[in-house]
Amino acid sequence: MKAGFENCYVNLPLRYIYTTPEYLDFFIENSIQPELGLDCLGNECMSKDWLLSIRDRLGDAGLKCTAHLPFLDLKPASLNPAIRDASIDTLCGAFELAKIFSPQRMVMHPSFASWLEAPLFEGAYQNCLEGIARLSDSWPDHPMLCLENTYEYDPGPIVQVIDDLDRDNIGVCFDLGHWHSFSKGSEKGDFDFWFDSFAPYIRHLHLHDNKGGKDDHLALGQGTMDWDHIVSRVKELDPLPTITLEPHNRDDFDVSIEFFNKNIAPSLF
C-alpha cells in the first residue's frame, strides 16, 4: 500500500501476531496500518504488557489502527438469553481491550438471522438493538462503531438499528465480499440497492473478492465483483469512508495491494 493512504488498513488478528510475530514486523517495516482483530481464541489477549507493546510499536512507527470486535460464536441478537448475554459481555470486554489501541474505527457483526419468521425476527431485532445500546453505553465516547453486514439478505435491519439508536458514533461497515456471497449479490445484481440504502451511514469499507458462491476472501480482482462500478459509487461518498483490505494469505495480500494501488486508490485519493 502506498504511503499517504492514511485512511487505509489491512486486517491483522491479534492471534496472528501472537503465533507469528513476524506479521507485526512486516506491517511496521512496510508502514501498513492494521485492522487489529480482537477475536482472541486462547491466551493471546491475556497479557496487558504484550498488548501495550503492540500499541507502542505501532505508535513509534506513526501507524494508526482500526479494531474488529470478536464475532466467532457470538450472537448479540440471539433469542436465547444466556447466549445473548454472553455475547454482549464478550463485546463489552472487547471494548476495554480496544481502548488500549485508540482505534479510528471499531467493527462489529450484528449477526441478524434473516431466515427467522417475522415474529421471531422482531424479537431478535429488539435483542440486538438493546445489546448494541448496552455496548455503546459502556463507553459513551467510543470511536465510530461500524455495524458490518454478514448474512443479512437485506440492508434494512442494519439501517433500522442505526436509525433507532440515533447516535453519531454508530454507522455502517459495508463488507462488499459478504454482500456478493452471503447476501447473494452476485446472483441478484443488487449492489446499487445495498449501496444506496447504506450510503448515508457508511463510515468504513471491507474490501475482498469472491466468485459469489462463498466468502473466499480472494485477492482483489481475482473474483467476479465489478470493481469499476463499485469504485464509481464509492467516489460519491463525502467524506470518503476508511477502508480495510481483507486478504487471508501473503500471496493474496500482494495481489490485493497491487490491485488497490492501480485500480482503486487513483480514483479515490
Protein backbone atom coordinates (compact mmCIF):
# COMPACT_ATOMS: atom_id res chain seq x y z
CA MET A 1 0.00 0.00 0.00
CA LYS A 2 1.50 3.31 -0.99
CA ALA A 3 2.43 5.84 1.64
CA GLY A 4 -0.10 8.60 2.18
CA PHE A 5 -3.26 6.48 2.27
CA GLU A 6 -3.76 7.37 5.91
CA ASN A 7 -7.34 6.08 5.99
CA CYS A 8 -6.46 2.61 4.68
CA TYR A 9 -5.80 -0.53 6.72
CA VAL A 10 -5.16 -4.26 6.31
CA ASN A 11 -6.63 -6.95 8.58
CA LEU A 12 -4.30 -8.38 11.22
CA PRO A 13 -5.82 -10.53 14.01
CA LEU A 14 -4.03 -10.39 17.35
CA ARG A 15 -3.84 -14.19 17.34
CA TYR A 16 -1.73 -13.98 14.16
CA ILE A 17 0.72 -11.65 15.91
CA TYR A 18 0.78 -13.99 18.90
CA THR A 19 1.66 -17.09 16.86
CA THR A 20 3.77 -15.35 14.20
CA PRO A 21 5.32 -12.10 15.49
CA GLU A 22 6.85 -11.52 12.08
CA TYR A 23 3.43 -10.36 10.87
CA LEU A 24 3.66 -7.24 13.02
CA ASP A 25 7.26 -6.70 11.93
CA PHE A 26 6.14 -6.82 8.30
CA PHE A 27 3.34 -4.29 8.86
CA ILE A 28 5.66 -1.89 10.66
CA GLU A 29 8.52 -2.24 8.19
CA ASN A 30 6.14 -1.50 5.30
CA SER A 31 4.13 1.24 7.06
CA ILE A 32 0.89 -0.75 6.81
CA GLN A 33 -1.81 0.25 9.25
CA PRO A 34 -3.57 -2.79 10.76
CA GLU A 35 -7.18 -3.56 11.50
CA LEU A 36 -6.50 -5.47 14.69
CA GLY A 37 -8.77 -8.48 15.08
CA LEU A 38 -9.71 -8.78 18.76
CA ASP A 39 -11.26 -12.24 18.38
CA CYS A 40 -8.74 -13.99 20.59
CA LEU A 41 -9.12 -17.75 20.85
CA GLY A 42 -6.70 -18.51 23.67
CA ASN A 43 -4.24 -16.70 25.91
CA GLU A 44 -3.05 -14.20 23.32
CA CYS A 45 -5.06 -11.31 24.82
CA MET A 46 -4.33 -12.10 28.47
CA SER A 47 -1.06 -10.19 28.84
CA LYS A 48 -1.57 -6.45 29.11
CA ASP A 49 2.16 -5.88 28.77
CA TRP A 50 2.11 -7.70 25.41
CA LEU A 51 -0.86 -5.65 24.21
CA LEU A 52 0.82 -2.42 25.31
CA SER A 53 3.97 -3.42 23.47
CA ILE A 54 1.97 -3.76 20.24
CA ARG A 55 0.36 -0.37 20.85
CA ASP A 56 3.74 1.23 21.50
CA ARG A 57 5.38 -0.30 18.44
CA LEU A 58 2.57 0.96 16.22
CA GLY A 59 2.74 4.39 17.84
CA ASP A 60 6.51 4.61 17.46
CA ALA A 61 6.07 3.81 13.76
CA GLY A 62 3.41 6.51 13.38
CA LEU A 63 0.73 3.96 12.48
CA LYS A 64 -2.93 4.19 13.42
CA CYS A 65 -5.24 1.18 13.61
CA THR A 66 -8.84 0.11 13.48
CA ALA A 67 -10.26 -2.74 15.56
CA HIS A 68 -12.50 -5.65 14.64
CA LEU A 69 -14.52 -6.81 17.63
CA PRO A 70 -14.95 -10.55 18.32
CA PHE A 71 -17.55 -12.37 16.23
CA LEU A 72 -16.89 -16.11 16.31
CA ASP A 73 -19.82 -17.88 18.05
CA LEU A 74 -21.27 -14.55 19.20
CA LYS A 75 -24.94 -13.78 18.63
CA PRO A 76 -25.97 -10.44 20.13
CA ALA A 77 -29.45 -10.88 18.61
CA SER A 78 -29.91 -14.41 19.99
CA LEU A 79 -33.33 -15.42 21.26
CA ASN A 80 -31.55 -17.47 23.93
CA PRO A 81 -30.90 -15.11 26.88
CA ALA A 82 -27.75 -16.92 28.02
CA ILE A 83 -26.18 -16.75 24.55
CA ARG A 84 -27.24 -13.14 24.10
CA ASP A 85 -25.85 -12.03 27.46
CA ALA A 86 -22.58 -13.91 26.96
CA SER A 87 -22.21 -12.29 23.53
CA ILE A 88 -22.74 -8.76 24.82
CA ASP A 89 -20.48 -9.37 27.82
CA THR A 90 -17.74 -10.55 25.45
CA LEU A 91 -18.18 -7.47 23.26
CA CYS A 92 -18.07 -5.16 26.28
CA GLY A 93 -14.81 -6.85 27.28
CA ALA A 94 -13.50 -6.24 23.77
CA PHE A 95 -14.33 -2.55 24.16
CA GLU A 96 -12.00 -2.46 27.16
CA LEU A 97 -9.33 -4.15 25.05
CA ALA A 98 -9.87 -1.70 22.19
CA LYS A 99 -9.27 1.26 24.49
CA ILE A 100 -5.61 0.23 24.69
CA PHE A 101 -5.18 0.87 20.96
CA SER A 102 -7.31 4.03 20.47
CA PRO A 103 -8.70 2.70 17.17
CA GLN A 104 -10.00 5.02 14.47
CA ARG A 105 -12.92 2.66 13.85
CA MET A 106 -14.38 -0.41 15.53
CA VAL A 107 -16.23 -3.05 13.52
CA MET A 108 -18.97 -5.31 14.87
CA HIS A 109 -21.16 -8.07 13.40
CA PRO A 110 -24.81 -7.61 14.45
CA SER A 111 -25.34 -11.15 13.06
CA PHE A 112 -29.01 -10.95 12.18
CA ALA A 113 -30.59 -14.30 11.26
CA SER A 114 -32.53 -13.26 8.16
CA TRP A 115 -34.21 -16.65 7.88
CA LEU A 116 -36.26 -16.17 11.08
CA GLU A 117 -40.01 -15.81 10.54
CA ALA A 118 -41.42 -12.36 11.26
CA PRO A 119 -42.46 -12.64 14.96
CA LEU A 120 -39.15 -14.27 15.92
CA PHE A 121 -37.13 -11.81 13.88
CA GLU A 122 -38.83 -8.91 15.64
CA GLY A 123 -37.71 -10.34 18.97
CA ALA A 124 -34.19 -10.87 17.69
CA TYR A 125 -34.13 -7.31 16.35
CA GLN A 126 -35.07 -5.87 19.73
CA ASN A 127 -32.43 -8.02 21.41
CA CYS A 128 -29.78 -6.74 19.03
CA LEU A 129 -30.90 -3.13 19.42
CA GLU A 130 -30.79 -3.35 23.22
CA GLY A 131 -27.46 -5.19 23.14
CA ILE A 132 -25.75 -2.60 20.94
CA ALA A 133 -27.17 0.19 23.11
CA ARG A 134 -25.73 -1.52 26.19
CA LEU A 135 -22.40 -1.94 24.44
CA SER A 136 -22.30 1.68 23.33
CA ASP A 137 -23.31 2.90 26.80
CA SER A 138 -20.34 1.04 28.30
CA TRP A 139 -18.03 3.52 26.51
CA PRO A 140 -20.17 6.56 25.66
CA ASP A 141 -17.45 8.47 23.78
CA HIS A 142 -16.18 5.43 21.89
CA PRO A 143 -14.72 5.77 18.38
CA MET A 144 -17.04 5.17 15.45
CA LEU A 145 -18.66 1.74 15.85
CA CYS A 146 -19.39 0.32 12.41
CA LEU A 147 -22.01 -2.42 12.06
CA GLU A 148 -20.94 -4.89 9.40
CA ASN A 149 -23.27 -6.77 7.09
CA THR A 150 -22.73 -10.53 7.17
CA TYR A 151 -25.58 -12.97 6.46
CA GLU A 152 -28.37 -10.43 6.05
CA TYR A 153 -30.48 -10.79 2.91
CA ASP A 154 -31.46 -7.12 3.08
CA PRO A 155 -29.70 -3.99 4.38
CA GLY A 156 -32.87 -2.83 6.14
CA PRO A 157 -32.30 -4.25 9.65
CA ILE A 158 -28.83 -2.68 10.00
CA VAL A 159 -30.11 0.67 8.74
CA GLN A 160 -33.05 0.47 11.15
CA VAL A 161 -30.78 -0.27 14.11
CA ILE A 162 -28.68 2.80 13.35
CA ASP A 163 -31.77 4.97 12.92
CA ASP A 164 -33.33 3.67 16.13
CA LEU A 165 -30.14 4.16 18.14
CA ASP A 166 -29.62 7.64 16.65
CA ARG A 167 -26.03 8.02 17.86
CA ASP A 168 -23.40 9.99 15.97
CA ASN A 169 -20.73 7.37 16.68
CA ILE A 170 -22.54 4.37 15.17
CA GLY A 171 -22.50 3.75 11.41
CA VAL A 172 -22.06 1.04 8.76
CA CYS A 173 -19.12 -1.07 7.69
CA PHE A 174 -20.14 -2.20 4.22
CA ASP A 175 -18.42 -5.52 3.57
CA LEU A 176 -18.54 -5.94 -0.19
CA GLY A 177 -17.47 -9.58 -0.18
CA HIS A 178 -20.27 -10.51 2.23
CA TRP A 179 -22.83 -8.74 0.06
CA HIS A 180 -21.54 -10.57 -3.03
CA SER A 181 -21.59 -14.04 -1.44
CA PHE A 182 -23.69 -14.39 1.73
CA SER A 183 -26.37 -11.93 0.58
CA LYS A 184 -26.47 -13.39 -2.95
CA GLY A 185 -25.39 -10.13 -4.52
CA SER A 186 -23.65 -11.98 -7.33
CA GLU A 187 -26.99 -13.56 -8.29
CA LYS A 188 -29.26 -10.59 -7.65
CA GLY A 189 -27.02 -7.87 -9.07
CA ASP A 190 -28.39 -5.51 -6.42
CA PHE A 191 -25.24 -3.62 -5.42
CA ASP A 192 -26.83 -0.23 -6.10
CA PHE A 193 -29.78 -1.07 -3.84
CA TRP A 194 -27.45 -2.01 -0.98
CA PHE A 195 -25.16 0.94 -1.61
CA ASP A 196 -28.00 3.47 -1.77
CA SER A 197 -29.50 2.03 1.43
CA PHE A 198 -26.22 2.19 3.31
CA ALA A 199 -24.74 5.34 1.74
CA PRO A 200 -25.82 7.87 4.42
CA TYR A 201 -24.32 5.64 7.12
CA ILE A 202 -21.15 4.20 5.52
CA ARG A 203 -18.11 5.02 7.64
CA HIS A 204 -15.91 2.03 6.77
CA LEU A 205 -15.48 -0.48 3.95
CA HIS A 206 -14.14 -4.04 3.89
CA LEU A 207 -12.66 -4.97 0.52
CA HIS A 208 -12.02 -8.53 -0.65
CA ASP A 209 -13.22 -10.60 -3.59
CA ASN A 210 -15.05 -13.84 -4.32
CA LYS A 211 -16.93 -15.58 -7.11
CA GLY A 212 -20.30 -15.42 -5.41
CA GLY A 213 -20.57 -18.97 -4.13
CA LYS A 214 -18.83 -18.48 -0.80
CA ASP A 215 -16.87 -15.94 1.20
CA ASP A 216 -13.48 -16.87 -0.23
CA HIS A 217 -11.62 -13.68 0.72
CA LEU A 218 -9.81 -13.81 -2.60
CA ALA A 219 -7.38 -11.11 -3.61
CA LEU A 220 -8.96 -8.04 -5.18
CA GLY A 221 -9.62 -8.62 -8.87
CA GLN A 222 -9.50 -12.43 -8.56
CA GLY A 223 -13.25 -12.90 -8.19
CA THR A 224 -16.27 -11.67 -10.12
CA MET A 225 -17.00 -8.37 -8.40
CA ASP A 226 -17.37 -5.31 -10.64
CA TRP A 227 -14.74 -3.08 -9.06
CA ASP A 228 -15.06 -0.33 -11.66
CA HIS A 229 -18.71 0.17 -10.79
CA ILE A 230 -18.09 -0.21 -7.06
CA VAL A 231 -15.37 2.45 -7.09
CA SER A 232 -17.53 4.79 -9.16
CA ARG A 233 -20.21 4.64 -6.45
CA VAL A 234 -17.80 4.90 -3.51
CA LYS A 235 -16.44 8.11 -5.06
CA GLU A 236 -19.85 9.67 -4.43
CA LEU A 237 -19.42 9.44 -0.65
CA ASP A 238 -18.39 12.62 1.15
CA PRO A 239 -16.45 12.21 3.30
CA LEU A 240 -14.88 9.02 1.99
CA PRO A 241 -15.02 6.12 4.44
CA THR A 242 -11.98 4.45 5.90
CA ILE A 243 -11.04 1.20 4.11
CA THR A 244 -9.69 -2.17 5.21
CA LEU A 245 -8.35 -4.77 2.80
CA GLU A 246 -9.00 -8.33 3.97
CA PRO A 247 -6.66 -10.80 2.27
CA HIS A 248 -6.21 -14.09 4.12
CA ASN A 249 -2.72 -15.07 2.99
CA ARG A 250 0.50 -13.41 1.85
CA ASP A 251 0.00 -14.10 -1.87
CA ASP A 252 -3.46 -12.54 -1.80
CA PHE A 253 -2.04 -9.64 0.18
CA ASP A 254 0.49 -8.86 -2.56
CA VAL A 255 -2.09 -9.13 -5.33
CA SER A 256 -4.63 -7.06 -3.39
CA ILE A 257 -2.15 -4.27 -2.68
CA GLU A 258 -1.13 -4.11 -6.35
CA PHE A 259 -4.76 -4.08 -7.49
CA PHE A 260 -5.73 -1.46 -4.92
CA ASN A 261 -2.85 0.83 -5.85
CA LYS A 262 -3.55 0.51 -9.57
CA ASN A 263 -7.34 0.31 -9.83
CA ILE A 264 -8.91 1.76 -6.70
CA ALA A 265 -6.68 4.29 -4.98
CA PRO A 266 -6.14 6.60 -8.02
CA SER A 267 -9.88 7.16 -8.23
CA LEU A 268 -10.41 7.76 -4.51
CA PHE A 269 -7.28 9.59 -3.30
